[in-house]
Amino acid sequence: MGIRATWIISLDCTCPGCNEFVDLLDLEDFWEDHPGLHPPEHSTKRTNDMPVICPECGWEFDVCCEY
């Protein structure tokens, strides 16, 4: 077997409340809160105005996923 390469996926944004960088995939309940979402899905009903909560300050805001 050859050398392995690993995909690394993140979903990055900046919180409008505290201006902190957030990788949304690091949120504990991200996949439970967004069932059926598939990377790198974008421009769909599930990924436009998707609600998230900043883990740093608790600010609730919407994101639109892009790839």
PDB file of N, CA and C in Angstrom:
ATOM      1  N   MET A   1       0.846  -1.171   0.000  1.00  0.00           N
ATOM      2  CA  MET A   1       0.000   0.000   0.000  1.00  0.00           C
ATOM      3  C   MET A   1       0.895   1.237   0.000  1.00  0.00           C
ATOM      4  N   GLY A   2       0.464   2.254  -0.715  1.00  0.00           N
ATOM      5  CA  GLY A   2       1.239   3.488  -0.832  1.00  0.00           C
ATOM      6  C   GLY A   2       1.057   4.414   0.357  1.00  0.00           C
ATOM      7  N   ILE A   3       1.637   5.560   0.248  1.00  0.00           N
ATOM      8  CA  ILE A   3       1.529   6.590   1.279  1.00  0.00           C
ATOM      9  C   ILE A   3       0.101   7.115   1.285  1.00  0.00           C
ATOM     10  N   ARG A   4      -0.453   7.293   2.464  1.00  0.00           N
ATOM     11  CA  ARG A   4      -1.832   7.764   2.591  1.00  0.00           C
ATOM     12  C   ARG A   4      -1.889   9.285   2.665  1.00  0.00           C
ATOM     13  N   ALA A   5      -2.935   9.825   2.089  1.00  0.00           N
ATOM     14  CA  ALA A   5      -3.229  11.257   2.191  1.00  0.00           C
ATOM     15  C   ALA A   5      -4.563  11.395   2.912  1.00  0.00           C
ATOM     16  N   THR A   6      -4.675  12.376   3.769  1.00  0.00           N
ATOM     17  CA  THR A   6      -5.871  12.556   4.568  1.00  0.00           C
ATOM     18  C   THR A   6      -6.582  13.849   4.185  1.00  0.00           C
ATOM     19  N   TRP A   7      -7.883  13.726   3.912  1.00  0.00           N
ATOM     20  CA  TRP A   7      -8.694  14.909   3.695  1.00  0.00           C
ATOM     21  C   TRP A   7      -8.871  15.619   5.033  1.00  0.00           C
ATOM     22  N   ILE A   8      -8.797  16.935   5.018  1.00  0.00           N
ATOM     23  CA  ILE A   8      -9.076  17.730   6.217  1.00  0.00           C
ATOM     24  C   ILE A   8     -10.167  18.725   5.835  1.00  0.00           C
ATOM     25  N   ILE A   9     -11.277  18.645   6.538  1.00  0.00           N
ATOM     26  CA  ILE A   9     -12.429  19.475   6.215  1.00  0.00           C
ATOM     27  C   ILE A   9     -12.734  20.386   7.392  1.00  0.00           C
ATOM     28  N   SER A  10     -12.998  21.652   7.104  1.00  0.00           N
ATOM     29  CA  SER A  10     -13.428  22.593   8.129  1.00  0.00           C
ATOM     30  C   SER A  10     -14.541  23.457   7.543  1.00  0.00           C
ATOM     31  N   LEU A  11     -15.269  24.110   8.403  1.00  0.00           N
ATOM     32  CA  LEU A  11     -16.324  25.031   7.999  1.00  0.00           C
ATOM     33  C   LEU A  11     -16.104  26.290   8.830  1.00  0.00           C
ATOM     34  N   ASP A  12     -15.384  27.232   8.265  1.00  0.00           N
ATOM     35  CA  ASP A  12     -14.841  28.373   9.005  1.00  0.00           C
ATOM     36  C   ASP A  12     -15.665  29.640   8.820  1.00  0.00           C
ATOM     37  N   CYS A  13     -15.774  30.388   9.904  1.00  0.00           N
ATOM     38  CA  CYS A  13     -16.412  31.703   9.852  1.00  0.00           C
ATOM     39  C   CYS A  13     -15.866  32.552  10.996  1.00  0.00           C
ATOM     40  N   THR A  14     -16.243  33.807  11.015  1.00  0.00           N
ATOM     41  CA  THR A  14     -15.906  34.707  12.106  1.00  0.00           C
ATOM     42  C   THR A  14     -17.202  35.106  12.791  1.00  0.00           C
ATOM     43  N   CYS A  15     -17.247  34.977  14.094  1.00  0.00           N
ATOM     44  CA  CYS A  15     -18.447  35.317  14.859  1.00  0.00           C
ATOM     45  C   CYS A  15     -18.675  36.828  14.803  1.00  0.00           C
ATOM     46  N   PRO A  16     -19.889  37.261  14.445  1.00  0.00           N
ATOM     47  CA  PRO A  16     -20.165  38.694  14.425  1.00  0.00           C
ATOM     48  C   PRO A  16     -20.302  39.285  15.827  1.00  0.00           C
ATOM     49  N   GLY A  17     -20.447  38.440  16.837  1.00  0.00           N
ATOM     50  CA  GLY A  17     -20.597  38.935  18.208  1.00  0.00           C
ATOM     51  C   GLY A  17     -19.283  39.249  18.883  1.00  0.00           C
ATOM     52  N   CYS A  18     -18.296  38.328  18.728  1.00  0.00           N
ATOM     53  CA  CYS A  18     -17.020  38.518  19.426  1.00  0.00           C
ATOM     54  C   CYS A  18     -15.827  38.596  18.474  1.00  0.00           C
ATOM     55  N   ASN A  19     -16.083  38.445  17.177  1.00  0.00           N
ATOM     56  CA  ASN A  19     -15.054  38.542  16.144  1.00  0.00           C
ATOM     57  C   ASN A  19     -14.017  37.427  16.230  1.00  0.00           C
ATOM     58  N   GLU A  20     -14.368  36.296  16.867  1.00  0.00           N
ATOM     59  CA  GLU A  20     -13.460  35.152  16.970  1.00  0.00           C
ATOM     60  C   GLU A  20     -13.625  34.235  15.766  1.00  0.00           C
ATOM     61  N   PHE A  21     -12.525  33.642  15.331  1.00  0.00           N
ATOM     62  CA  PHE A  21     -12.539  32.625  14.287  1.00  0.00           C
ATOM     63  C   PHE A  21     -13.181  31.364  14.857  1.00  0.00           C
ATOM     64  N   VAL A  22     -14.093  30.753  14.099  1.00  0.00           N
ATOM     65  CA  VAL A  22     -14.787  29.551  14.547  1.00  0.00           C
ATOM     66  C   VAL A  22     -14.782  28.521  13.428  1.00  0.00           C
ATOM     67  N   ASP A  23     -14.337  27.300  13.740  1.00  0.00           N
ATOM     68  CA  ASP A  23     -14.529  26.168  12.830  1.00  0.00           C
ATOM     69  C   ASP A  23     -15.804  25.499  13.308  1.00  0.00           C
ATOM     70  N   LEU A  24     -16.881  25.673  12.578  1.00  0.00           N
ATOM     71  CA  LEU A  24     -18.184  25.173  12.996  1.00  0.00           C
ATOM     72  C   LEU A  24     -18.203  23.662  13.183  1.00  0.00           C
ATOM     73  N   LEU A  25     -17.335  22.951  12.490  1.00  0.00           N
ATOM     74  CA  LEU A  25     -17.299  21.494  12.639  1.00  0.00           C
ATOM     75  C   LEU A  25     -16.739  21.077  13.991  1.00  0.00           C
ATOM     76  N   ASP A  26     -16.100  22.004  14.699  1.00  0.00           N
ATOM     77  CA  ASP A  26     -15.601  21.710  16.044  1.00  0.00           C
ATOM     78  C   ASP A  26     -16.698  21.808  17.109  1.00  0.00           C
ATOM     79  N   LEU A  27     -17.863  22.355  16.738  1.00  0.00           N
ATOM     80  CA  LEU A  27     -18.955  22.474  17.699  1.00  0.00           C
ATOM     81  C   LEU A  27     -19.440  21.079  18.073  1.00  0.00           C
ATOM     82  N   GLU A  28     -19.624  20.849  19.357  1.00  0.00           N
ATOM     83  CA  GLU A  28     -19.947  19.521  19.872  1.00  0.00           C
ATOM     84  C   GLU A  28     -21.166  18.885  19.210  1.00  0.00           C
ATOM     85  N   ASP A  29     -22.223  19.646  19.016  1.00  0.00           N
ATOM     86  CA  ASP A  29     -23.464  19.100  18.469  1.00  0.00           C
ATOM     87  C   ASP A  29     -23.712  19.484  17.020  1.00  0.00           C
ATOM     88  N   PHE A  30     -22.669  19.904  16.293  1.00  0.00           N
ATOM     89  CA  PHE A  30     -22.886  20.423  14.943  1.00  0.00           C
ATOM     90  C   PHE A  30     -23.663  19.442  14.068  1.00  0.00           C
ATOM     91  N   TRP A  31     -23.234  18.197  13.990  1.00  0.00           N
ATOM     92  CA  TRP A  31     -23.887  17.236  13.089  1.00  0.00           C
ATOM     93  C   TRP A  31     -25.277  16.874  13.566  1.00  0.00           C
ATOM     94  N   GLU A  32     -25.494  16.856  14.873  1.00  0.00           N
ATOM     95  CA  GLU A  32     -26.833  16.586  15.408  1.00  0.00           C
ATOM     96  C   GLU A  32     -27.778  17.757  15.122  1.00  0.00           C
ATOM     97  N   ASP A  33     -27.254  18.968  15.180  1.00  0.00           N
ATOM     98  CA  ASP A  33     -28.062  20.164  14.936  1.00  0.00           C
ATOM     99  C   ASP A  33     -28.343  20.396  13.448  1.00  0.00           C
ATOM    100  N   HIS A  34     -27.570  19.753  12.583  1.00  0.00           N
ATOM    101  CA  HIS A  34     -27.719  19.949  11.131  1.00  0.00           C
ATOM    102  C   HIS A  34     -27.769  18.588  10.420  1.00  0.00           C
ATOM    103  N   PRO A  35     -28.805  17.799  10.716  1.00  0.00           N
ATOM    104  CA  PRO A  35     -28.896  16.454  10.122  1.00  0.00           C
ATOM    105  C   PRO A  35     -29.045  16.529   8.603  1.00  0.00           C
ATOM    106  N   GLY A  36     -28.466  15.568   7.937  1.00  0.00           N
ATOM    107  CA  GLY A  36     -28.572  15.495   6.482  1.00  0.00           C
ATOM    108  C   GLY A  36     -27.583  16.360   5.729  1.00  0.00           C
ATOM    109  N   LEU A  37     -26.830  17.182   6.429  1.00  0.00           N
ATOM    110  CA  LEU A  37     -25.841  18.050   5.780  1.00  0.00           C
ATOM    111  C   LEU A  37     -24.653  17.208   5.325  1.00  0.00           C
ATOM    112  N   HIS A  38     -24.183  17.462   4.110  1.00  0.00           N
ATOM    113  CA  HIS A  38     -23.062  16.702   3.562  1.00  0.00           C
ATOM    114  C   HIS A  38     -21.977  17.659   3.072  1.00  0.00           C
ATOM    115  N   PRO A  39     -20.723  17.478   3.521  1.00  0.00           N
ATOM    116  CA  PRO A  39     -19.651  18.318   2.982  1.00  0.00           C
ATOM    117  C   PRO A  39     -19.430  17.958   1.520  1.00  0.00           C
ATOM    118  N   PRO A  40     -19.154  18.842   0.653  1.00  0.00           N
ATOM    119  CA  PRO A  40     -19.120  20.306   0.751  1.00  0.00           C
ATOM    120  C   PRO A  40     -20.416  20.937   0.245  1.00  0.00           C
ATOM    121  N   GLU A  41     -21.534  20.520   0.780  1.00  0.00           N
ATOM    122  CA  GLU A  41     -22.847  21.046   0.371  1.00  0.00           C
ATOM    123  C   GLU A  41     -22.898  22.557   0.544  1.00  0.00           C
ATOM    124  N   HIS A  42     -23.469  23.225  -0.440  1.00  0.00           N
ATOM    125  CA  HIS A  42     -23.634  24.677  -0.369  1.00  0.00           C
ATOM    126  C   HIS A  42     -24.771  25.090  -1.291  1.00  0.00           C
ATOM    127  N   SER A  43     -25.287  26.274  -1.060  1.00  0.00           N
ATOM    128  CA  SER A  43     -26.381  26.838  -1.863  1.00  0.00           C
ATOM    129  C   SER A  43     -27.610  25.932  -1.887  1.00  0.00           C
ATOM    130  N   THR A  44     -27.915  25.327  -0.747  1.00  0.00           N
ATOM    131  CA  THR A  44     -29.117  24.504  -0.625  1.00  0.00           C
ATOM    132  C   THR A  44     -29.969  25.065   0.508  1.00  0.00           C
ATOM    133  N   LYS A  45     -31.178  24.559   0.635  1.00  0.00           N
ATOM    134  CA  LYS A  45     -32.059  25.015   1.707  1.00  0.00           C
ATOM    135  C   LYS A  45     -31.419  24.778   3.077  1.00  0.00           C
ATOM    136  N   ARG A  46     -30.685  23.660   3.225  1.00  0.00           N
ATOM    137  CA  ARG A  46     -30.046  23.351   4.515  1.00  0.00           C
ATOM    138  C   ARG A  46     -28.859  24.250   4.820  1.00  0.00           C
ATOM    139  N   THR A  47     -28.204  24.791   3.783  1.00  0.00           N
ATOM    140  CA  THR A  47     -26.960  25.542   4.007  1.00  0.00           C
ATOM    141  C   THR A  47     -27.088  27.047   3.841  1.00  0.00           C
ATOM    142  N   ASN A  48     -28.238  27.528   3.430  1.00  0.00           N
ATOM    143  CA  ASN A  48     -28.474  28.973   3.351  1.00  0.00           C
ATOM    144  C   ASN A  48     -29.132  29.414   4.653  1.00  0.00           C
ATOM    145  N   ASP A  49     -28.576  30.435   5.285  1.00  0.00           N
ATOM    146  CA  ASP A  49     -29.090  30.941   6.558  1.00  0.00           C
ATOM    147  C   ASP A  49     -29.177  29.836   7.612  1.00  0.00           C
ATOM    148  N   MET A  50     -28.087  29.072   7.721  1.00  0.00           N
ATOM    149  CA  MET A  50     -27.998  27.974   8.679  1.00  0.00           C
ATOM    150  C   MET A  50     -27.693  28.546  10.065  1.00  0.00           C
ATOM    151  N   PRO A  51     -28.531  28.270  11.067  1.00  0.00           N
ATOM    152  CA  PRO A  51     -28.304  28.824  12.406  1.00  0.00           C
ATOM    153  C   PRO A  51     -27.159  28.126  13.133  1.00  0.00           C
ATOM    154  N   VAL A  52     -26.300  28.917  13.772  1.00  0.00           N
ATOM    155  CA  VAL A  52     -25.193  28.399  14.576  1.00  0.00           C
ATOM    156  C   VAL A  52     -25.049  29.257  15.833  1.00  0.00           C
ATOM    157  N   ILE A  53     -24.340  28.725  16.810  1.00  0.00           N
ATOM    158  CA  ILE A  53     -24.076  29.448  18.058  1.00  0.00           C
ATOM    159  C   ILE A  53     -22.569  29.458  18.293  1.00  0.00           C
ATOM    160  N   CYS A  54     -22.019  30.619  18.530  1.00  0.00           N
ATOM    161  CA  CYS A  54     -20.580  30.752  18.768  1.00  0.00           C
ATOM    162  C   CYS A  54     -20.209  30.061  20.086  1.00  0.00           C
ATOM    163  N   PRO A  55     -19.203  29.179  20.055  1.00  0.00           N
ATOM    164  CA  PRO A  55     -18.790  28.515  21.288  1.00  0.00           C
ATOM    165  C   PRO A  55     -18.047  29.446  22.252  1.00  0.00           C
ATOM    166  N   GLU A  56     -17.570  30.573  21.757  1.00  0.00           N
ATOM    167  CA  GLU A  56     -16.818  31.514  22.596  1.00  0.00           C
ATOM    168  C   GLU A  56     -17.722  32.444  23.391  1.00  0.00           C
ATOM    169  N   CYS A  57     -18.736  33.029  22.707  1.00  0.00           N
ATOM    170  CA  CYS A  57     -19.546  34.050  23.374  1.00  0.00           C
ATOM    171  C   CYS A  57     -21.030  33.707  23.441  1.00  0.00           C
ATOM    172  N   GLY A  58     -21.455  32.629  22.754  1.00  0.00           N
ATOM    173  CA  GLY A  58     -22.849  32.234  22.772  1.00  0.00           C
ATOM    174  C   GLY A  58     -23.745  32.982  21.801  1.00  0.00           C
ATOM    175  N   TRP A  59     -23.156  33.851  20.983  1.00  0.00           N
ATOM    176  CA  TRP A  59     -23.926  34.629  20.013  1.00  0.00           C
ATOM    177  C   TRP A  59     -24.581  33.673  19.017  1.00  0.00           C
ATOM    178  N   GLU A  60     -25.864  33.873  18.737  1.00  0.00           N
ATOM    179  CA  GLU A  60     -26.576  33.087  17.745  1.00  0.00           C
ATOM    180  C   GLU A  60     -26.622  33.882  16.450  1.00  0.00           C
ATOM    181  N   PHE A  61     -26.207  33.255  15.360  1.00  0.00           N
ATOM    182  CA  PHE A  61     -26.207  33.928  14.069  1.00  0.00           C
ATOM    183  C   PHE A  61     -26.392  32.901  12.967  1.00  0.00           C
ATOM    184  N   ASP A  62     -26.680  33.370  11.760  1.00  0.00           N
ATOM    185  CA  ASP A  62     -26.890  32.503  10.605  1.00  0.00           C
ATOM    186  C   ASP A  62     -25.697  32.610   9.679  1.00  0.00           C
ATOM    187  N   VAL A  63     -25.357  31.478   9.063  1.00  0.00           N
ATOM    188  CA  VAL A  63     -24.299  31.459   8.043  1.00  0.00           C
ATOM    189  C   VAL A  63     -24.856  30.855   6.762  1.00  0.00           C
ATOM    190  N   CYS A  64     -24.246  31.196   5.647  1.00  0.00           N
ATOM    191  CA  CYS A  64     -24.517  30.566   4.367  1.00  0.00           C
ATOM    192  C   CYS A  64     -23.236  29.845   3.963  1.00  0.00           C
ATOM    193  N   CYS A  65     -23.330  28.538   3.825  1.00  0.00           N
ATOM    194  CA  CYS A  65     -22.138  27.754   3.492  1.00  0.00           C
ATOM    195  C   CYS A  65     -21.757  27.952   2.032  1.00  0.00           C
ATOM    196  N   GLU A  66     -20.471  28.063   1.797  1.00  0.00           N
ATOM    197  CA  GLU A  66     -19.949  28.113   0.427  1.00  0.00           C
ATOM    198  C   GLU A  66     -18.758  27.194   0.322  1.00  0.00           C
ATOM    199  N   TYR A  67     -18.476  26.796  -0.895  1.00  0.00           N
ATOM    200  CA  TYR A  67     -17.379  25.859  -1.143  1.00  0.00           C
ATOM    201  C   TYR A  67     -16.394  26.469  -2.087  1.00  0.00           C
TER     202      TYR A  67
END
